[in-house]
Amino acid sequence: MDNDPSDRRFDRLMAYLGLLDDAAPLFRPGTAIPGAGALLAMPALVAGGVIECAREVYGSIGPAFFGLRTTIVSLVLMALLRIKRPEGLKERPPDAFGRILGLDRASEVKTLRRKLSRLAGLGRSTRFGRAPAERRVAARGALMGFLGQRRDRRTNFCRNRGGQRGSREDTAGDPQRGAIPARRAEPHRGL
């Protein structure tokens, strides 16, 4: 594996030969790196188990320099940096976003789109969306065999400050602490 964060040729060769599933992040020192503040969210991402849940749900996307972990971290960092679509990466130098990822450069837009299409084609996005929440509830000890659904008589919405009758609410919790409400929605087709 490479030791120089600015030159990852050996890792790219290993991925090309099918011997590397995901390039390990290597960070190089620097100052005034645009978007580096988004890295402050990484401990929460790791503690929340998002990457482990992605591995459990999707497995592997095959040998690649930009593997599953890098793809998920790229999407999370894009959200934190308010980059709405992969095409938004074209507005930034590839090496600047790559430095935040711990790589020599970020993936091309077409590569990220191809990986997203591959993950979306598996049809497991709902399962992946629920997995970190279920893991967190289970880790807190609140999930003691109680997962249910109940019908709300009235649910408040911020938009109209009113309510909508008969909406469905998923709950998770235990009888002593009470139910923890969680709204569930179908994944948007644009994701």
Protein backbone atom coordinates (compact mmCIF):
# COMPACT_ATOMS: atom_id res chain seq x y z
CA MET A 1 0.00 0.00 0.00
CA ASP A 2 1.04 3.57 -0.64
CA ASN A 3 2.65 5.72 2.05
CA ASP A 4 2.67 9.05 0.21
CA PRO A 5 -0.77 10.73 0.39
CA SER A 6 -0.13 12.78 -2.75
CA ASP A 7 0.89 9.81 -4.94
CA ARG A 8 -1.44 6.79 -4.84
CA ARG A 9 -0.29 5.02 -8.02
CA PHE A 10 0.39 1.70 -6.30
CA ASP A 11 -3.07 1.61 -4.71
CA ARG A 12 -4.64 2.41 -8.08
CA LEU A 13 -2.66 -0.42 -9.67
CA MET A 14 -3.75 -2.84 -6.93
CA ALA A 15 -7.40 -1.83 -7.47
CA TYR A 16 -7.00 -2.27 -11.23
CA LEU A 17 -5.65 -5.79 -10.67
CA GLY A 18 -8.60 -6.57 -8.39
CA LEU A 19 -6.54 -6.80 -5.20
CA LEU A 20 -7.94 -3.73 -3.40
CA ASP A 21 -11.58 -3.17 -2.41
CA ASP A 22 -11.17 0.40 -1.15
CA ALA A 23 -8.19 2.72 -0.80
CA ALA A 24 -7.30 3.51 2.79
CA PRO A 25 -7.37 7.23 3.60
CA LEU A 26 -3.97 8.88 4.01
CA PHE A 27 -4.01 12.50 5.12
CA ARG A 28 -1.20 14.94 4.44
CA PRO A 29 -0.54 18.05 6.52
CA GLY A 30 -1.72 21.39 5.24
CA THR A 31 -3.30 24.71 6.12
CA ALA A 32 -6.37 26.51 4.79
CA ILE A 33 -7.87 23.39 3.21
CA PRO A 34 -11.34 24.29 1.89
CA GLY A 35 -14.09 22.24 3.54
CA ALA A 36 -11.83 20.62 6.13
CA GLY A 37 -14.30 21.57 8.87
CA ALA A 38 -16.61 18.84 7.56
CA LEU A 39 -14.14 16.33 9.00
CA LEU A 40 -15.37 17.29 12.46
CA ALA A 41 -18.44 15.15 11.71
CA MET A 42 -16.37 12.01 11.10
CA PRO A 43 -16.33 10.81 14.74
CA ALA A 44 -20.15 10.95 14.78
CA LEU A 45 -20.27 9.11 11.46
CA VAL A 46 -18.03 6.35 12.79
CA ALA A 47 -19.81 6.18 16.16
CA GLY A 48 -23.17 6.01 14.42
CA GLY A 49 -22.04 2.92 12.54
CA VAL A 50 -22.98 4.27 9.11
CA ILE A 51 -20.02 2.67 7.36
CA GLU A 52 -20.50 -0.70 9.10
CA CYS A 53 -24.21 -0.60 8.24
CA ALA A 54 -23.33 0.08 4.61
CA ARG A 55 -21.07 -2.98 4.60
CA GLU A 56 -23.79 -5.12 6.20
CA VAL A 57 -26.49 -3.96 3.79
CA TYR A 58 -24.56 -3.64 0.53
CA GLY A 59 -21.58 -5.92 1.06
CA SER A 60 -18.91 -4.82 -1.38
CA ILE A 61 -19.12 -3.05 -4.71
CA GLY A 62 -16.14 -4.96 -5.98
CA PRO A 63 -12.47 -4.16 -6.24
CA ALA A 64 -12.01 -0.43 -6.76
CA PHE A 65 -9.90 2.48 -5.63
CA PHE A 66 -13.12 4.33 -4.75
CA GLY A 67 -14.91 1.54 -2.90
CA LEU A 68 -18.02 1.43 -0.75
CA ARG A 69 -16.52 3.23 2.25
CA THR A 70 -15.12 6.04 0.11
CA THR A 71 -18.42 6.40 -1.75
CA ILE A 72 -20.47 6.63 1.47
CA VAL A 73 -18.01 9.07 3.07
CA SER A 74 -18.02 11.15 -0.13
CA LEU A 75 -21.81 11.41 -0.04
CA VAL A 76 -21.86 12.35 3.63
CA LEU A 77 -19.16 15.00 3.17
CA MET A 78 -20.98 16.33 0.12
CA ALA A 79 -24.11 16.73 2.24
CA LEU A 80 -22.16 18.50 4.98
CA LEU A 81 -20.58 20.82 2.42
CA ARG A 82 -24.02 21.42 0.86
CA ILE A 83 -23.11 19.92 -2.47
CA LYS A 84 -26.51 18.73 -3.67
CA ARG A 85 -25.55 16.55 -6.64
CA PRO A 86 -22.39 14.81 -7.81
CA GLU A 87 -22.17 17.39 -10.59
CA GLY A 88 -21.44 19.95 -7.86
CA LEU A 89 -18.01 18.38 -7.49
CA LYS A 90 -17.06 19.91 -10.85
CA GLU A 91 -17.02 23.32 -9.18
CA ARG A 92 -14.22 22.23 -6.83
CA PRO A 93 -10.71 21.12 -7.69
CA PRO A 94 -10.58 17.28 -7.47
CA ASP A 95 -7.46 17.36 -5.30
CA ALA A 96 -9.11 19.71 -2.74
CA PHE A 97 -12.07 17.38 -2.12
CA GLY A 98 -9.71 14.41 -2.30
CA ARG A 99 -7.62 15.84 0.54
CA ILE A 100 -10.71 15.86 2.74
CA LEU A 101 -11.33 12.22 1.82
CA GLY A 102 -7.72 11.29 2.52
CA LEU A 103 -7.04 10.52 -1.14
CA ASP A 104 -4.95 12.20 -3.79
CA ARG A 105 -8.11 13.33 -5.59
CA ALA A 106 -11.86 12.84 -5.51
CA SER A 107 -13.65 10.47 -7.83
CA GLU A 108 -14.93 11.71 -11.15
CA VAL A 109 -18.62 12.58 -11.37
CA LYS A 110 -19.30 9.69 -13.74
CA THR A 111 -17.58 7.26 -11.34
CA LEU A 112 -19.65 8.47 -8.39
CA ARG A 113 -22.83 8.33 -10.49
CA ARG A 114 -22.01 4.77 -11.60
CA LYS A 115 -21.48 3.67 -7.99
CA LEU A 116 -24.72 5.33 -6.90
CA SER A 117 -26.60 3.59 -9.72
CA ARG A 118 -25.09 0.29 -8.68
CA LEU A 119 -26.14 0.76 -5.05
CA ALA A 120 -29.60 2.00 -6.03
CA GLY A 121 -30.05 -0.98 -8.35
CA LEU A 122 -29.76 -3.32 -5.39
CA GLY A 123 -32.97 -1.86 -3.92
CA ARG A 124 -31.69 -1.74 -0.34
CA SER A 125 -31.81 2.00 0.35
CA THR A 126 -34.70 1.76 2.82
CA ARG A 127 -32.91 -0.98 4.71
CA PHE A 128 -29.71 1.09 4.74
CA GLY A 129 -31.61 4.15 5.99
CA ARG A 130 -33.11 2.21 8.89
CA ALA A 131 -30.00 0.25 9.87
CA PRO A 132 -28.08 3.03 11.70
CA ALA A 133 -31.22 4.09 13.61
CA GLU A 134 -31.95 0.52 14.67
CA ARG A 135 -28.34 0.05 15.69
CA ARG A 136 -28.44 3.22 17.79
CA VAL A 137 -31.67 2.26 19.51
CA ALA A 138 -30.34 -1.24 20.18
CA ALA A 139 -27.07 0.14 21.54
CA ARG A 140 -28.91 2.41 23.95
CA GLY A 141 -30.77 -0.56 25.35
CA ALA A 142 -34.13 0.85 24.40
CA LEU A 143 -34.97 -1.90 21.93
CA MET A 144 -36.25 -4.77 24.03
CA GLY A 145 -38.34 -6.65 21.53
CA PHE A 146 -40.67 -3.70 20.99
CA LEU A 147 -40.97 -2.38 17.49
CA GLY A 148 -44.45 -1.38 16.49
CA GLN A 149 -46.73 0.92 14.62
CA ARG A 150 -49.56 3.04 15.86
CA ARG A 151 -52.04 5.37 14.26
CA ASP A 152 -51.77 8.97 15.34
CA ARG A 153 -54.94 10.84 16.05
CA ARG A 154 -53.24 14.07 15.12
CA THR A 155 -49.72 14.83 13.96
CA ASN A 156 -48.26 18.34 13.94
CA PHE A 157 -46.46 19.67 10.91
CA CYS A 158 -44.28 22.76 11.07
CA ARG A 159 -45.27 23.93 7.63
CA ASN A 160 -48.91 24.63 8.31
CA ARG A 161 -48.87 24.43 12.10
CA GLY A 162 -51.86 22.16 11.85
CA GLY A 163 -52.18 18.45 11.84
CA GLN A 164 -52.92 15.59 9.55
CA ARG A 165 -55.22 12.86 10.75
CA GLY A 166 -54.44 9.19 10.43
CA SER A 167 -50.77 9.40 9.52
CA ARG A 168 -48.61 6.38 10.25
CA GLU A 169 -45.91 6.57 12.87
CA ASP A 170 -43.29 3.92 13.51
CA THR A 171 -42.18 3.58 17.09
CA ALA A 172 -39.28 1.94 18.84
CA GLY A 173 -38.68 1.88 22.55
CA ASP A 174 -39.52 0.06 25.70
CA PRO A 175 -42.55 0.31 27.98
CA GLN A 176 -40.64 2.01 30.80
CA ARG A 177 -39.22 4.88 28.76
CA GLY A 178 -42.07 5.15 26.31
CA ALA A 179 -42.09 4.95 22.56
CA ILE A 180 -39.63 6.91 20.46
CA PRO A 181 -41.49 8.13 17.36
CA ALA A 182 -39.78 7.93 14.00
CA ARG A 183 -41.26 9.08 10.70
CA ARG A 184 -40.71 6.84 7.73
CA ALA A 185 -40.89 7.95 4.12
CA GLU A 186 -40.21 6.25 0.84
CA PRO A 187 -36.80 7.10 -0.67
CA HIS A 188 -36.91 9.90 -3.21
CA ARG A 189 -36.31 8.73 -6.79
CA GLY A 190 -33.58 11.36 -7.20
CA LEU A 191 -31.35 9.74 -4.58
